[in-house]
Amino acid sequence: MGSSKSANAVLAKVRAKYGRRLTQKDYENLLSCKSVAEVGAYLKNNTYYDTVLKKINEREIHRGQLETVLKQKLFEDFYSLCLYTKGSGEHFAQYILQRDEIEQIIRFLTLLSSNSTQEFIFTMPTYFLKHTSINLMNLARARDFDAFFACFAGTPYEEILAEFKPKKGETVNIARVEDKLYKFCYKNLYNAIDKYSSGAEQKALRSMFDSMMDYINFVRVFRLKKYYHESPEMTESFLFPYGTFKPKTIRKLCAAKTSAEVFEAVKDTSFGRNLSRLNYAYAGEIDRVGMFRITKKNIHFSSYPLVVMLSYIFVMQTEYNNIVSIIEGVRYGVDASKIETIVIM
């Protein structure tokens, strides 16, 4: 990471940014808003989001526009922070970019499958046009699968997506596309950890992401069993090949027939003990809550710049998700007490 002086500068910068995050009082005020315009006005006039919202007329802003502006700040903040760390940080910026690219690919595929592609242009993230290798303008104009796949020629996703190209009259298995793309993304991330970090910091990075992958894999199994009653073989094929679960635990998880058996499979593991201390409203959000707890702790106690920087990214992603949940809830008139149960603080 270079000298201790530069490392301390990164830690100080990240923690200063972290100190400007929304407070519990901010969330209480946001939850009391009665319209999307009120949410926008509060963020503009009372929080550090004022810089990206100052040119926005909050009385006329709509949900999609507000979410896009907030997402833009999130991306630019993350990307600049990765570049600020120089050297190794630049390689982790690619992980941030790939994660957003995959989100757009899946979003467009979902719209394409429902013949709603015209909606893509309204929330297309034009702010990272200069960063991505995907021609988003061509993607926005695609109206069939052939045009969709043509948009990825020469990109890192061309080969992965090619194996899912459907025959005439068939559709794309979006769940499988998403699975393959994220496996590609996490493989690149772990390769970056191995190649561009070393010693104790590398060990801390792997430990952080392994713990996070445990939560992601656990929730994947939970959902596959609860909603789809998938077979052990099919369940295992959807798991990421990272984390701390031993083969015996993976077999138990995949063999589970009910969601209760999924919890039982990890009961006697260190993951299970951590899970029992986790405060969550719904099992489907265990991964988000678990990852938030890990990364929040890292920001306070880790001395490794890359660990703190990447932890900050996940914490602020959670803040963005919280705001989106509030916007959605307010828009559809959901009771504030119900929205509050899915806000992670």
Protein backbone atom coordinates (compact mmCIF):
# COMPACT_ATOMS: atom_id res chain seq x y z
CA MET A 1 0.00 0.00 0.00
CA GLY A 2 3.06 2.21 0.06
CA SER A 3 4.25 4.24 3.03
CA SER A 4 2.50 4.37 6.36
CA LYS A 5 1.92 8.06 5.69
CA SER A 6 -0.10 7.36 2.52
CA ALA A 7 -1.92 4.51 4.28
CA ASN A 8 -2.91 6.84 7.11
CA ALA A 9 -4.10 9.41 4.56
CA VAL A 10 -6.42 6.82 2.98
CA LEU A 11 -7.75 5.72 6.37
CA ALA A 12 -8.38 9.32 7.39
CA LYS A 13 -10.15 10.15 4.11
CA VAL A 14 -12.42 7.10 4.27
CA ARG A 15 -13.32 7.62 7.92
CA ALA A 16 -14.06 11.29 7.29
CA LYS A 17 -16.47 10.27 4.51
CA TYR A 18 -17.99 7.65 6.78
CA GLY A 19 -18.59 10.32 9.41
CA ARG A 20 -20.92 12.18 7.02
CA ARG A 21 -23.27 9.22 6.56
CA LEU A 22 -26.96 9.45 7.45
CA THR A 23 -27.71 9.32 11.17
CA GLN A 24 -30.53 7.56 12.98
CA LYS A 25 -32.26 10.95 13.25
CA ASP A 26 -31.98 11.39 9.46
CA TYR A 27 -33.65 8.02 8.95
CA GLU A 28 -36.43 8.93 11.37
CA ASN A 29 -37.06 12.15 9.46
CA LEU A 30 -36.98 10.36 6.09
CA LEU A 31 -39.43 7.75 7.36
CA SER A 32 -41.84 10.53 8.32
CA CYS A 33 -41.89 11.92 4.75
CA LYS A 34 -45.21 11.62 2.92
CA SER A 35 -43.99 11.85 -0.67
CA VAL A 36 -40.95 11.25 -2.87
CA ALA A 37 -40.62 15.04 -3.21
CA GLU A 38 -40.37 15.33 0.59
CA VAL A 39 -37.65 12.67 0.67
CA GLY A 40 -35.72 14.55 -2.03
CA ALA A 41 -36.15 17.85 -0.20
CA TYR A 42 -34.90 16.43 3.07
CA LEU A 43 -31.82 14.88 1.46
CA LYS A 44 -31.11 18.10 -0.43
CA ASN A 45 -31.48 20.46 2.52
CA ASN A 46 -30.22 18.43 5.47
CA THR A 47 -27.59 15.88 4.35
CA TYR A 48 -24.34 15.58 2.42
CA TYR A 49 -26.39 14.62 -0.64
CA ASP A 50 -26.93 18.36 -1.13
CA THR A 51 -24.01 18.47 -3.59
CA VAL A 52 -25.71 16.18 -6.14
CA LEU A 53 -29.23 17.43 -5.50
CA LYS A 54 -28.59 21.20 -5.53
CA LYS A 55 -29.61 21.55 -9.20
CA ILE A 56 -32.65 19.32 -8.80
CA ASN A 57 -36.09 20.80 -8.24
CA GLU A 58 -37.26 18.52 -5.45
CA ARG A 59 -40.90 19.48 -6.00
CA GLU A 60 -40.81 17.98 -9.50
CA ILE A 61 -38.41 15.08 -8.99
CA HIS A 62 -39.74 11.56 -9.58
CA ARG A 63 -38.63 8.29 -8.02
CA GLY A 64 -36.45 7.06 -10.90
CA GLN A 65 -34.66 10.39 -11.25
CA LEU A 66 -33.92 10.62 -7.52
CA GLU A 67 -32.60 7.06 -7.36
CA THR A 68 -30.41 7.63 -10.43
CA VAL A 69 -28.87 10.80 -8.99
CA LEU A 70 -28.12 9.03 -5.68
CA LYS A 71 -26.67 6.05 -7.54
CA GLN A 72 -24.44 8.40 -9.51
CA LYS A 73 -23.02 9.89 -6.32
CA LEU A 74 -22.47 6.39 -4.94
CA PHE A 75 -20.58 5.23 -8.03
CA GLU A 76 -18.45 8.33 -8.41
CA ASP A 77 -17.60 8.34 -4.72
CA PHE A 78 -16.52 4.69 -4.83
CA TYR A 79 -14.61 4.99 -8.07
CA SER A 80 -12.67 8.09 -7.02
CA LEU A 81 -11.86 6.51 -3.67
CA CYS A 82 -10.42 3.41 -5.36
CA LEU A 83 -8.31 5.59 -7.65
CA TYR A 84 -7.21 7.74 -4.70
CA THR A 85 -5.50 4.72 -3.16
CA LYS A 86 -3.34 4.43 -6.32
CA GLY A 87 -1.76 1.17 -7.45
CA SER A 88 -3.78 -1.62 -5.86
CA GLY A 89 -6.89 0.51 -5.43
CA GLU A 90 -7.23 0.97 -9.18
CA HIS A 91 -7.65 -2.77 -9.64
CA PHE A 92 -10.42 -2.88 -7.06
CA ALA A 93 -12.16 -0.06 -8.93
CA GLN A 94 -12.72 -2.66 -11.67
CA TYR A 95 -14.69 -4.76 -9.22
CA ILE A 96 -16.98 -1.79 -8.49
CA LEU A 97 -17.43 -1.16 -12.21
CA GLN A 98 -18.14 -4.82 -13.03
CA ARG A 99 -20.70 -5.05 -10.25
CA ASP A 100 -22.61 -2.09 -11.71
CA GLU A 101 -22.28 -3.43 -15.26
CA ILE A 102 -23.76 -6.78 -14.23
CA GLU A 103 -26.64 -4.99 -12.53
CA GLN A 104 -27.43 -3.19 -15.80
CA ILE A 105 -27.13 -6.38 -17.88
CA ILE A 106 -29.59 -8.21 -15.65
CA ARG A 107 -31.93 -5.26 -15.50
CA PHE A 108 -32.02 -4.98 -19.30
CA LEU A 109 -32.52 -8.74 -19.75
CA THR A 110 -35.45 -8.61 -17.35
CA LEU A 111 -37.00 -5.74 -19.31
CA LEU A 112 -36.33 -7.54 -22.59
CA SER A 113 -38.09 -10.65 -21.34
CA SER A 114 -41.19 -8.59 -20.55
CA ASN A 115 -41.05 -6.47 -23.75
CA SER A 116 -40.43 -3.34 -21.67
CA THR A 117 -36.99 -2.30 -22.94
CA GLN A 118 -38.16 1.26 -23.59
CA GLU A 119 -38.01 1.80 -19.81
CA PHE A 120 -34.23 1.27 -19.75
CA ILE A 121 -33.38 4.62 -21.31
CA PHE A 122 -35.08 6.58 -18.52
CA THR A 123 -32.83 5.25 -15.75
CA MET A 124 -29.79 4.32 -17.81
CA PRO A 125 -26.65 5.24 -15.80
CA THR A 126 -25.12 7.70 -18.24
CA TYR A 127 -22.63 8.76 -15.56
CA PHE A 128 -20.43 5.73 -16.14
CA LEU A 129 -20.58 5.73 -19.94
CA LYS A 130 -16.97 6.91 -19.91
CA HIS A 131 -15.91 4.00 -17.69
CA THR A 132 -17.72 0.99 -19.12
CA SER A 133 -16.78 -1.12 -22.14
CA ILE A 134 -20.49 -1.76 -22.80
CA ASN A 135 -22.14 0.44 -25.41
CA LEU A 136 -25.13 1.42 -23.27
CA MET A 137 -26.69 3.53 -26.02
CA ASN A 138 -26.80 0.51 -28.35
CA LEU A 139 -28.08 -1.60 -25.49
CA ALA A 140 -30.93 0.86 -24.85
CA ARG A 141 -31.94 0.50 -28.52
CA ALA A 142 -31.90 -3.33 -28.52
CA ARG A 143 -35.32 -4.90 -28.99
CA ASP A 144 -34.48 -8.59 -29.36
CA PHE A 145 -31.93 -11.09 -28.09
CA ASP A 146 -29.73 -10.86 -31.21
CA ALA A 147 -29.35 -7.11 -30.76
CA PHE A 148 -28.77 -7.59 -27.03
CA PHE A 149 -25.92 -10.08 -27.48
CA ALA A 150 -24.34 -7.96 -30.23
CA CYS A 151 -23.82 -5.17 -27.67
CA PHE A 152 -21.24 -7.24 -25.82
CA ALA A 153 -18.85 -8.00 -28.66
CA GLY A 154 -15.32 -7.22 -27.50
CA THR A 155 -16.30 -6.86 -23.84
CA PRO A 156 -15.27 -9.15 -20.93
CA TYR A 157 -18.84 -10.51 -20.94
CA GLU A 158 -18.99 -11.66 -24.56
CA GLU A 159 -17.91 -15.25 -23.94
CA ILE A 160 -20.07 -15.73 -20.84
CA LEU A 161 -23.22 -14.37 -22.45
CA ALA A 162 -22.65 -16.30 -25.69
CA GLU A 163 -23.44 -19.62 -24.00
CA PHE A 164 -26.90 -18.33 -23.08
CA LYS A 165 -27.93 -17.14 -26.53
CA PRO A 166 -31.37 -18.69 -27.08
CA LYS A 167 -32.67 -20.39 -30.18
CA LYS A 168 -35.61 -18.79 -31.95
CA GLY A 169 -38.70 -18.82 -29.77
CA GLU A 170 -36.78 -19.59 -26.59
CA THR A 171 -36.06 -17.28 -23.66
CA VAL A 172 -32.93 -16.67 -21.57
CA ASN A 173 -32.52 -18.22 -18.13
CA ILE A 174 -31.84 -14.94 -16.33
CA ALA A 175 -31.04 -16.60 -12.99
CA ARG A 176 -28.27 -18.63 -14.65
CA VAL A 177 -26.91 -15.59 -16.50
CA GLU A 178 -26.79 -13.64 -13.25
CA ASP A 179 -25.09 -16.54 -11.46
CA LYS A 180 -22.39 -16.87 -14.14
CA LEU A 181 -21.74 -13.13 -14.30
CA TYR A 182 -21.34 -12.75 -10.55
CA LYS A 183 -19.07 -15.81 -10.37
CA PHE A 184 -16.92 -14.11 -13.02
CA CYS A 185 -16.95 -10.87 -11.02
CA TYR A 186 -15.96 -12.53 -7.72
CA LYS A 187 -13.28 -14.61 -9.42
CA ASN A 188 -11.73 -11.36 -10.68
CA LEU A 189 -12.03 -9.86 -7.20
CA TYR A 190 -10.23 -12.76 -5.51
CA ASN A 191 -7.57 -12.70 -8.23
CA ALA A 192 -7.06 -8.98 -7.51
CA ILE A 193 -6.73 -9.71 -3.79
CA ASP A 194 -4.08 -12.36 -4.48
CA LYS A 195 -2.19 -10.26 -7.02
CA TYR A 196 -2.40 -6.71 -5.68
CA SER A 197 -2.29 -7.15 -1.91
CA SER A 198 0.08 -9.04 0.34
CA GLY A 199 0.86 -10.17 3.86
CA ALA A 200 -1.54 -9.37 6.68
CA GLU A 201 -3.65 -7.04 4.53
CA GLN A 202 -4.22 -9.79 1.96
CA LYS A 203 -5.22 -12.18 4.74
CA ALA A 204 -7.64 -9.60 6.16
CA LEU A 205 -9.19 -8.97 2.73
CA ARG A 206 -9.71 -12.68 2.07
CA SER A 207 -11.17 -13.13 5.55
CA MET A 208 -13.62 -10.27 4.99
CA PHE A 209 -14.82 -11.51 1.63
CA ASP A 210 -14.93 -15.15 2.73
CA SER A 211 -17.20 -14.15 5.62
CA MET A 212 -19.37 -12.15 3.25
CA MET A 213 -19.55 -15.06 0.79
CA ASP A 214 -20.78 -17.31 3.62
CA TYR A 215 -23.76 -14.99 4.14
CA ILE A 216 -24.44 -14.76 0.40
CA ASN A 217 -24.27 -18.54 -0.06
CA PHE A 218 -26.46 -19.15 2.98
CA VAL A 219 -29.20 -16.85 1.69
CA ARG A 220 -28.94 -18.42 -1.77
CA VAL A 221 -29.56 -21.85 -0.27
CA PHE A 222 -32.38 -20.51 1.88
CA ARG A 223 -34.18 -19.00 -1.10
CA LEU A 224 -33.63 -22.04 -3.35
CA LYS A 225 -35.10 -24.33 -0.71
CA LYS A 226 -37.93 -22.12 0.54
CA TYR A 227 -39.26 -20.95 -2.81
CA TYR A 228 -38.09 -23.52 -5.37
CA HIS A 229 -37.44 -26.74 -3.39
CA GLU A 230 -34.33 -27.32 -5.50
CA SER A 231 -32.36 -30.58 -5.45
CA PRO A 232 -28.98 -30.82 -3.69
CA GLU A 233 -27.16 -30.86 -7.05
CA MET A 234 -28.98 -27.83 -8.42
CA THR A 235 -28.54 -25.93 -5.15
CA GLU A 236 -24.79 -26.55 -5.05
CA SER A 237 -24.41 -25.38 -8.65
CA PHE A 238 -25.64 -21.94 -7.60
CA LEU A 239 -23.13 -21.51 -4.76
CA PHE A 240 -20.04 -19.33 -5.04
CA PRO A 241 -16.81 -21.35 -4.62
CA TYR A 242 -15.58 -19.10 -1.81
CA GLY A 243 -16.14 -18.75 1.91
CA THR A 244 -15.40 -20.78 5.02
CA PHE A 245 -18.04 -23.51 4.81
CA LYS A 246 -16.50 -26.98 4.99
CA PRO A 247 -17.62 -29.64 2.47
CA LYS A 248 -19.65 -31.34 5.21
CA THR A 249 -21.60 -28.14 5.90
CA ILE A 250 -22.18 -27.52 2.19
CA ARG A 251 -23.57 -31.05 1.81
CA LYS A 252 -25.93 -30.48 4.74
CA LEU A 253 -27.07 -27.14 3.37
CA CYS A 254 -27.70 -28.51 -0.11
CA ALA A 255 -29.48 -31.62 1.23
CA ALA A 256 -31.89 -29.54 3.33
CA LYS A 257 -35.52 -29.91 2.31
CA THR A 258 -36.96 -26.99 4.24
CA SER A 259 -35.81 -23.52 5.27
CA ALA A 260 -35.74 -24.74 8.89
CA GLU A 261 -33.26 -27.47 7.90
CA VAL A 262 -31.08 -24.82 6.23
CA PHE A 263 -30.67 -23.10 9.61
CA GLU A 264 -30.13 -26.44 11.32
CA ALA A 265 -27.27 -27.27 8.91
CA VAL A 266 -25.12 -24.40 10.21
CA LYS A 267 -26.21 -24.43 13.85
CA ASP A 268 -22.96 -25.90 15.18
CA THR A 269 -20.59 -23.87 13.01
CA SER A 270 -18.89 -20.55 13.76
CA PHE A 271 -21.09 -19.04 11.05
CA GLY A 272 -24.17 -20.38 12.80
CA ARG A 273 -23.10 -18.85 16.10
CA ASN A 274 -22.57 -15.48 14.43
CA LEU A 275 -25.93 -15.86 12.70
CA SER A 276 -27.68 -16.43 16.03
CA ARG A 277 -26.44 -13.03 17.21
CA LEU A 278 -27.58 -11.21 14.07
CA ASN A 279 -30.57 -8.89 14.32
CA TYR A 280 -32.68 -9.18 11.16
CA ALA A 281 -36.37 -8.86 10.31
CA TYR A 282 -36.50 -11.31 7.39
CA ALA A 283 -34.31 -14.31 6.56
CA GLY A 284 -33.94 -13.05 3.00
CA GLU A 285 -31.96 -10.05 4.22
CA ILE A 286 -29.47 -12.00 6.34
CA ASP A 287 -26.71 -11.49 3.77
CA ARG A 288 -27.17 -7.71 3.69
CA VAL A 289 -27.33 -7.43 7.48
CA GLY A 290 -24.35 -9.75 7.98
CA MET A 291 -22.21 -7.96 5.43
CA PHE A 292 -23.13 -4.60 6.95
CA ARG A 293 -22.07 -5.72 10.42
CA ILE A 294 -18.72 -7.05 9.16
CA THR A 295 -17.87 -3.96 7.13
CA LYS A 296 -19.02 -1.45 9.75
CA LYS A 297 -16.75 -3.12 12.30
CA ASN A 298 -13.84 -3.01 9.83
CA ILE A 299 -14.20 0.74 9.32
CA HIS A 300 -13.84 1.31 13.05
CA PHE A 301 -11.11 -1.20 13.87
CA SER A 302 -9.10 -2.29 10.80
CA SER A 303 -5.73 -0.68 10.11
CA TYR A 304 -5.57 -1.87 6.49
CA PRO A 305 -6.48 0.80 3.89
CA LEU A 306 -7.95 -1.60 1.31
CA VAL A 307 -10.07 -3.34 3.95
CA VAL A 308 -11.41 -0.04 5.26
CA MET A 309 -11.99 1.36 1.76
CA LEU A 310 -13.90 -1.70 0.51
CA SER A 311 -15.82 -1.90 3.78
CA TYR A 312 -16.87 1.72 3.36
CA ILE A 313 -18.14 0.89 -0.12
CA PHE A 314 -20.42 -1.83 1.26
CA VAL A 315 -21.66 0.35 4.13
CA MET A 316 -22.59 3.16 1.75
CA GLN A 317 -24.23 0.71 -0.64
CA THR A 318 -26.41 -0.24 2.32
CA GLU A 319 -27.25 3.43 2.89
CA TYR A 320 -28.27 3.77 -0.76
CA ASN A 321 -30.45 0.66 -0.49
CA ASN A 322 -32.05 2.08 2.65
CA ILE A 323 -32.94 5.31 0.86
CA VAL A 324 -34.38 3.39 -2.10
CA SER A 325 -36.48 1.28 0.28
CA ILE A 326 -37.82 4.46 1.89
CA ILE A 327 -38.54 6.05 -1.51
CA GLU A 328 -40.38 2.93 -2.68
CA GLY A 329 -42.30 2.63 0.58
CA VAL A 330 -43.33 6.30 0.58
CA ARG A 331 -44.35 6.12 -3.07
CA TYR A 332 -46.67 3.18 -2.45
CA GLY A 333 -48.00 4.43 0.88
CA VAL A 334 -46.44 1.70 3.02
CA ASP A 335 -46.64 2.33 6.75
CA ALA A 336 -43.41 3.86 8.11
CA SER A 337 -43.09 1.15 10.77
CA LYS A 338 -43.01 -1.52 8.04
CA ILE A 339 -40.43 0.35 5.98
CA GLU A 340 -38.28 0.74 9.09
CA THR A 341 -37.98 -3.05 9.48
CA ILE A 342 -35.97 -3.29 6.25
CA VAL A 343 -33.74 -0.27 6.95
CA ILE A 344 -30.31 -1.49 8.08
CA MET A 345 -28.43 0.76 10.49
